[in-house]
Amino acid sequence: MNFKCGKQEISFSLDQWKNHSILEASQTNQQSEVTHIKDALLHPIGSKPLHESICSDETVCIVVSDITRAYQRMWVYLPLLIEELEKANIPDENIFFLSANGTHRDQTETEHRKLLGDTLYDRFMIVDHCGTDSASVKSVGVTQYGNEIKLNRRALQADHIILTGAIVFHDLAGFGGGRKSLLPGIAATECIQRNHRLALVGDQGDIHPDIGSGKMEKNPLNREMQEVADWIQPTYIFNVAIGGDGLISQAFAGHYRSAHEAGQAFVRKQDGQWIDNQADLVIGSAGGHPKDINLYQATKAISNMIGAVKPGGTLLLFAECAEGYGNPQVEEILLSPETLPVLAKKVSENFSVARYIGYWTRTLTKQVEILLVSSLPAEPLEQIGIRSFDNAESAYDYLKNKSEIKSVLAIPKAGQVYAQWKGATQDD
């Protein structure tokens, strides 16, 4: 079968193993993308139609995701969202787009054009949020966790904030979309790091039990994100779900809480796939470019796959990682020669999201064997227990001789599909 890796598809045979199965997203409504988008805009959840909520002399900030989330196909839905604002006679100069870069890098003009499409790019201003620029953020309060939240000043100055994005399983926040466009999307870097520090319990590097894909109610990261959204009260959200074919399978518009909750329910049904038994070998793809643009992003697929692997089993991920590790702090922790207890202390004392991702990935190497088909150099990864192959043939040659592999599960879109083992405890 085929697995996406970067901008290509790689063929990888499963015939070697008689006991193999494939896990894919559920089939959803086959209406067109435009039909889903228009229907959501016509029937917002928990709010009035957008054009009835905004006056013609008011200003609007539309928060969009950055290039690492281009799979959302925002160039498809943003023009229809703009049409809603046109119904309220909002002039172009009163509307701007703000890219929710979080802790990610700045973007190029080409990337901005891809996100908006040429027509909207030529009509409207788009700016990147920069969380390290103290002058560009403003304090909005201190959360129940003691985190002083600073958000993008330009967004706060607008009369209305509209959040856009996609609702997907997320390894830390439970689900992407909704409130996540504010924190971490347009928050100061120190706020983002403190929020994500909640993934660790105490100072020993223990990972919080309520952190993970699909976990929401008790998840401290989500609770803080939601608290901030309740302060800001964004006027409207427009979020999409992405189907197995890579197209928009449903859209959700309206109130920032209720519309997002409806989207969560849909995505749980579409992408949350239950399995009866864990497998000796789980093979998956991060989803190709841009989901595997770097290892930082590709680890989201690992989090969706890991529950399907037997303890001591093998996980093989196709992820090109054209931009390497994605962050020097991921590389710093991931490739460190130091032991896990030492790394746990280091991450706890000097926390960053990137360091946490590096540490979390290192912990997995003690649970299962991790293999990568990627462009990452092999030797540094092998030193810490990850085998990296530059082609599928080499990975196949390695695996075909492992006699202990009796069962195989393939997840072609592991960046989207969350494998839920029935033997695991599910709190959400």
Foldseek 3Di string as FASTA:
>chain_A
DWFAAAPDIFDFDPVLFPFEDEDFFDDFDPDAQVVQLVVQQVDAPPADRPLVLDAQPFAEEEEDEFQLQLLQVQLVNVVVVVVSVVSNNHDQARYAYEYQQQQADDDDPVRVCSNNPVVVPVRHYYDYADQAPVVQWDFLQADPVRQTKIFGPVNLVGPAYEYEEAWFWFFFQQTDDQLVCTVRRGIHQVSNQVLSLLQADDQQLHGDPQGGHNRHDPRSSNVRSVVVCVSSFGQKYKYFYAARVSGTRHIHMDGSPPSSVVNSVVLCNGFEDEDAAAFLEEEEEQRHPPCQLALLSSVLLVRLRVQRHQFAGEYEYRGARVVYHSDVLLVCLQLDPDDLSVLSNVCSVVPHSSVSSSSVVLVVLNGYQYEYQYPYDAVSNVSSRYGYHVGSVVVSVVPSPPVVGNHYYYHSNSNGHHYHYPVDDDDD
